Amino acid sequence: MGRDGRHIGAPRQCNYGPRGFYSRGTRRWQDHGVADRSFIYRARRRAAVKKPGLQLGFPEGKVGVHWFGVWGMRWPGVWSTLLQKAKAGRRLDILVIRDIGLVPQRELVTAMKNDLDKIRRMFLDIVIVWSEMVSLLVWRHTRDGQKMERNRGKVNKLLAAFVRKFDGVVVRHKVLEGKLPGYYWKDGVHLLEVGTDLFNLALGEGIERALGRLVGESWRA
C-alpha cells in the first residue's frame, strides 16, 4: 500500500482489484486488490451474499478491497491488468495473488517472480500476499493428476520463499489441504459454499497481517 493512497489487490487465481489507502488528514485509508481466475470469481460472488461481505470485514472508511474477478484469467493477464490500473492513477498497497498456469512449472515460477519484481517497483511500499494454490480433487486437461499436485506443491513452496524475502505474507489454506470431498463440487475442482467461506476467511486473515505490517494495527471489523 502506498503512503498517500493505499490499495490491496490480488491477481487470479484469486480475484480482487486494487485500490488504495488515501490520506485524509492524519488518517489513511487503504485499498486492496485480489486477482485470480475462477477461484476468485466464485469467491467474490460468495462474499457478496455472505457476511462479512466483499470488504471481508474491513471498514469501508479505512480499507478498500477490490476484486479482479475475470473468468479464465491466468498469470500472464495479471501484469497487463495492473499496468492498466497504474496508468489510470490507481495505487496498490496490498496485492493478493495466486495462480497456476498451463505452462511448465519452471516457466511459471520465473514469470511470476519477474512480474512481482516489476510490481514492487511500480507500487512502492506494496505488501505482496501469496495465497497458496489449493489442492484439487480432479486436475483437468492432464492425464497425470499426481504430477500436477506435485507441481502445485513446488510452486507454492518456491513462491512462498520468494515473497517472504521481501517481507510479504503467505496464506496457507491449511483447512483445505485435507482435500475433503465435502468442500468441493462434484467436479472435484470448484469449492462448495463452505469451502469458499474458508477460502475467503483465510484471504481476509492474510490481508489483516499485511495491514499490520503497513500500519501496525488491525482495521478489521
Protein backbone atom coordinates (compact mmCIF):
# COMPACT_ATOMS: atom_id res chain seq x y z
CA MET A 1 0.00 0.00 0.00
CA GLY A 2 1.21 3.44 -0.79
CA ARG A 3 1.55 6.06 1.86
CA ASP A 4 -0.84 8.56 0.37
CA GLY A 5 -3.29 6.16 -1.24
CA ARG A 6 -3.45 2.51 -0.41
CA HIS A 7 -4.81 -0.45 -2.31
CA ILE A 8 -4.98 -4.14 -1.80
CA GLY A 9 -5.09 -6.25 -4.90
CA ALA A 10 -4.99 -9.84 -5.80
CA PRO A 11 -4.46 -11.41 -9.20
CA ARG A 12 -6.11 -14.54 -10.33
CA GLN A 13 -6.45 -17.39 -9.28
CA CYS A 14 -7.64 -15.10 -6.64
CA ASN A 15 -9.56 -12.20 -7.99
CA TYR A 16 -9.66 -8.80 -6.42
CA GLY A 17 -8.98 -5.42 -7.80
CA PRO A 18 -6.55 -2.84 -6.47
CA ARG A 19 -7.49 0.41 -4.85
CA GLY A 20 -5.52 2.23 -2.21
CA PHE A 21 -5.12 3.95 1.07
CA TYR A 22 -5.78 7.63 0.77
CA SER A 23 -4.66 10.31 3.19
CA ARG A 24 -7.42 12.12 4.99
CA GLY A 25 -5.75 14.49 7.36
CA THR A 26 -3.74 12.32 9.73
CA ARG A 27 -5.78 9.24 8.80
CA ARG A 28 -5.15 6.99 5.88
CA TRP A 29 -7.46 4.66 4.12
CA GLN A 30 -6.27 1.64 2.25
CA ASP A 31 -7.30 -0.29 -0.84
CA HIS A 32 -6.53 -3.85 -1.63
CA GLY A 33 -6.89 -5.93 -4.76
CA VAL A 34 -7.26 -9.64 -5.34
CA ALA A 35 -6.69 -11.38 -8.64
CA ASP A 36 -7.04 -14.92 -9.91
CA ARG A 37 -9.30 -16.81 -12.27
CA SER A 38 -12.39 -18.90 -11.42
CA PHE A 39 -11.46 -19.34 -7.75
CA ILE A 40 -11.56 -15.60 -7.21
CA TYR A 41 -14.56 -15.14 -9.43
CA ARG A 42 -16.52 -17.58 -7.28
CA ALA A 43 -15.02 -16.25 -4.05
CA ARG A 44 -16.21 -12.76 -4.92
CA ARG A 45 -19.73 -13.97 -5.71
CA ARG A 46 -19.87 -15.79 -2.39
CA ALA A 47 -18.53 -12.81 -0.43
CA ALA A 48 -21.21 -10.60 -1.99
CA VAL A 49 -24.00 -12.58 -0.29
CA LYS A 50 -22.25 -13.78 2.87
CA LYS A 51 -21.12 -11.79 5.89
CA PRO A 52 -18.67 -10.08 6.30
CA GLY A 53 -19.21 -9.21 2.62
CA LEU A 54 -16.97 -8.03 -0.21
CA GLN A 55 -14.95 -5.96 2.25
CA LEU A 56 -14.01 -9.19 4.09
CA GLY A 57 -14.77 -7.48 7.38
CA PHE A 58 -12.65 -4.36 6.81
CA PRO A 59 -14.33 -0.94 7.37
CA GLU A 60 -15.01 0.88 4.10
CA GLY A 61 -13.87 4.19 5.54
CA LYS A 62 -10.36 2.86 6.05
CA VAL A 63 -9.83 -0.05 3.70
CA GLY A 64 -10.97 -0.64 0.14
CA VAL A 65 -10.95 -4.23 -1.14
CA HIS A 66 -11.16 -4.64 -4.92
CA TRP A 67 -11.63 -7.94 -6.69
CA PHE A 68 -10.17 -8.64 -10.14
CA GLY A 69 -12.70 -11.29 -10.97
CA VAL A 70 -12.07 -12.11 -14.61
CA TRP A 71 -13.20 -15.58 -15.52
CA GLY A 72 -10.44 -17.68 -17.05
CA MET A 73 -7.69 -15.17 -16.24
CA ARG A 74 -4.25 -16.68 -15.72
CA TRP A 75 -0.94 -15.26 -14.64
CA PRO A 76 0.04 -13.65 -18.00
CA GLY A 77 -3.02 -11.39 -17.66
CA VAL A 78 -2.09 -10.10 -14.21
CA TRP A 79 0.73 -7.75 -15.21
CA SER A 80 -1.27 -6.12 -18.01
CA THR A 81 -4.24 -5.65 -15.66
CA LEU A 82 -2.11 -3.96 -13.00
CA LEU A 83 -0.41 -1.83 -15.65
CA GLN A 84 -3.82 -0.51 -16.71
CA LYS A 85 -4.63 0.31 -13.09
CA ALA A 86 -1.34 2.17 -12.69
CA LYS A 87 -1.91 4.19 -15.88
CA ALA A 88 -5.34 5.13 -14.53
CA GLY A 89 -3.63 6.62 -11.48
CA ARG A 90 -4.55 3.89 -9.00
CA ARG A 91 -2.11 2.80 -6.33
CA LEU A 92 -1.87 -0.56 -4.64
CA ASP A 93 -0.88 -1.05 -1.04
CA ILE A 94 -1.53 -4.78 -0.77
CA LEU A 95 -1.71 -7.27 -3.62
CA VAL A 96 -3.09 -10.78 -3.09
CA ILE A 97 -2.07 -13.30 -5.74
CA ARG A 98 -2.46 -16.97 -6.56
CA ASP A 99 -2.11 -18.85 -9.81
CA ILE A 100 -1.38 -21.98 -11.74
CA GLY A 101 -0.98 -21.92 -15.48
CA LEU A 102 -0.94 -24.17 -18.49
CA VAL A 103 2.81 -23.73 -18.78
CA PRO A 104 5.76 -25.68 -17.37
CA GLN A 105 6.34 -25.16 -13.66
CA ARG A 106 9.76 -23.55 -14.09
CA GLU A 107 8.48 -21.06 -16.68
CA LEU A 108 5.51 -20.14 -14.47
CA VAL A 109 7.65 -19.51 -11.39
CA THR A 110 10.18 -17.47 -13.38
CA ALA A 111 7.43 -15.36 -14.95
CA MET A 112 5.73 -14.76 -11.60
CA LYS A 113 8.99 -13.74 -9.91
CA ASN A 114 9.88 -11.34 -12.73
CA ASP A 115 6.44 -9.75 -12.69
CA LEU A 116 6.40 -9.44 -8.90
CA ASP A 117 9.69 -7.55 -9.09
CA LYS A 118 8.14 -5.17 -11.63
CA ILE A 119 5.04 -4.76 -9.47
CA ARG A 120 7.17 -3.85 -6.44
CA ARG A 121 8.99 -1.21 -8.48
CA MET A 122 5.74 0.23 -9.79
CA PHE A 123 3.89 0.28 -6.44
CA LEU A 124 6.37 1.41 -3.81
CA ASP A 125 5.90 0.01 -0.29
CA ILE A 126 3.42 -2.58 -1.58
CA VAL A 127 2.95 -5.72 0.51
CA ILE A 128 2.54 -8.88 -1.57
CA VAL A 129 0.26 -11.61 -0.20
CA TRP A 130 0.80 -15.03 -1.80
CA SER A 131 -2.33 -17.12 -1.46
CA GLU A 132 -1.12 -20.67 -1.96
CA MET A 133 -2.82 -22.74 -4.63
CA VAL A 134 -5.46 -25.04 -3.18
CA SER A 135 -5.30 -28.76 -3.83
CA LEU A 136 -7.91 -30.12 -6.23
CA LEU A 137 -9.63 -33.49 -6.21
CA VAL A 138 -9.54 -33.52 -10.01
CA TRP A 139 -6.97 -31.86 -12.29
CA ARG A 140 -8.48 -31.13 -15.68
CA HIS A 141 -6.64 -31.13 -19.00
CA THR A 142 -3.99 -33.53 -17.77
CA ARG A 143 -3.53 -37.28 -17.62
CA ASP A 144 -1.29 -37.14 -14.57
CA GLY A 145 -3.12 -35.54 -11.66
CA GLN A 146 -0.42 -36.63 -9.21
CA LYS A 147 2.21 -34.75 -11.20
CA MET A 148 0.06 -31.61 -11.16
CA GLU A 149 -0.35 -31.99 -7.40
CA ARG A 150 3.43 -32.22 -7.00
CA ASN A 151 3.88 -29.18 -9.23
CA ARG A 152 1.34 -27.27 -7.13
CA GLY A 153 3.34 -28.02 -4.00
CA LYS A 154 6.61 -26.96 -5.63
CA VAL A 155 5.17 -23.69 -6.96
CA ASN A 156 3.66 -22.91 -3.56
CA LYS A 157 6.98 -23.54 -1.83
CA LEU A 158 9.07 -21.52 -4.29
CA LEU A 159 6.71 -18.53 -4.39
CA ALA A 160 6.27 -18.53 -0.61
CA ALA A 161 10.05 -18.36 -0.11
CA PHE A 162 10.34 -15.60 -2.72
CA VAL A 163 7.55 -13.48 -1.24
CA ARG A 164 8.92 -13.83 2.29
CA LYS A 165 12.29 -12.46 1.14
CA PHE A 166 10.77 -9.00 0.78
CA ASP A 167 8.59 -9.25 3.88
CA GLY A 168 5.47 -10.44 2.10
CA VAL A 169 2.69 -12.59 3.58
CA VAL A 170 1.87 -16.23 2.77
CA VAL A 171 -1.67 -17.64 3.14
CA ARG A 172 -1.66 -21.42 3.56
CA HIS A 173 -5.36 -22.50 3.40
CA LYS A 174 -4.44 -25.35 5.75
CA VAL A 175 -8.04 -26.47 6.31
CA LEU A 176 -8.46 -27.14 2.59
CA GLU A 177 -5.25 -29.18 2.37
CA GLY A 178 -7.16 -32.20 3.66
CA LYS A 179 -8.98 -32.38 0.30
CA LEU A 180 -12.25 -33.33 1.98
CA PRO A 181 -14.92 -34.05 -0.67
CA GLY A 182 -17.43 -32.05 1.37
CA TYR A 183 -15.62 -28.84 0.44
CA TYR A 184 -15.83 -29.39 -3.33
CA TRP A 185 -18.45 -29.59 -6.05
CA LYS A 186 -18.91 -32.95 -7.75
CA ASP A 187 -16.46 -31.83 -10.45
CA GLY A 188 -13.68 -32.01 -7.85
CA VAL A 189 -12.37 -28.62 -8.99
CA HIS A 190 -14.55 -25.85 -7.61
CA LEU A 191 -15.27 -25.22 -3.95
CA LEU A 192 -18.72 -25.50 -2.42
CA GLU A 193 -20.02 -22.60 -0.34
CA VAL A 194 -18.47 -23.92 2.87
CA GLY A 195 -15.11 -24.35 1.15
CA THR A 196 -15.32 -20.88 -0.39
CA ASP A 197 -16.13 -19.38 3.01
CA LEU A 198 -12.96 -20.97 4.42
CA PHE A 199 -11.00 -19.70 1.43
CA ASN A 200 -12.27 -16.12 1.92
CA LEU A 201 -11.65 -16.27 5.65
CA ALA A 202 -8.00 -17.14 5.04
CA LEU A 203 -7.68 -14.33 2.48
CA GLY A 204 -9.05 -11.83 4.99
CA GLU A 205 -6.60 -13.03 7.62
CA GLY A 206 -3.73 -12.65 5.16
CA ILE A 207 -4.77 -9.09 4.32
CA GLU A 208 -5.05 -8.33 8.03
CA ARG A 209 -1.48 -9.50 8.57
CA ALA A 210 -0.32 -7.34 5.66
CA LEU A 211 -2.12 -4.33 7.13
CA GLY A 212 -0.35 -4.94 10.41
CA ARG A 213 2.98 -4.63 8.61
CA LEU A 214 1.87 -1.43 6.89
CA VAL A 215 0.22 0.47 9.72
CA GLY A 216 0.95 -1.58 12.82
CA GLU A 217 -2.69 -2.22 13.68
CA SER A 218 -5.74 -4.24 12.67
CA TRP A 219 -8.55 -2.45 10.87
CA ARG A 220 -10.80 -5.45 10.59
CA ALA A 221 -14.35 -5.08 11.92
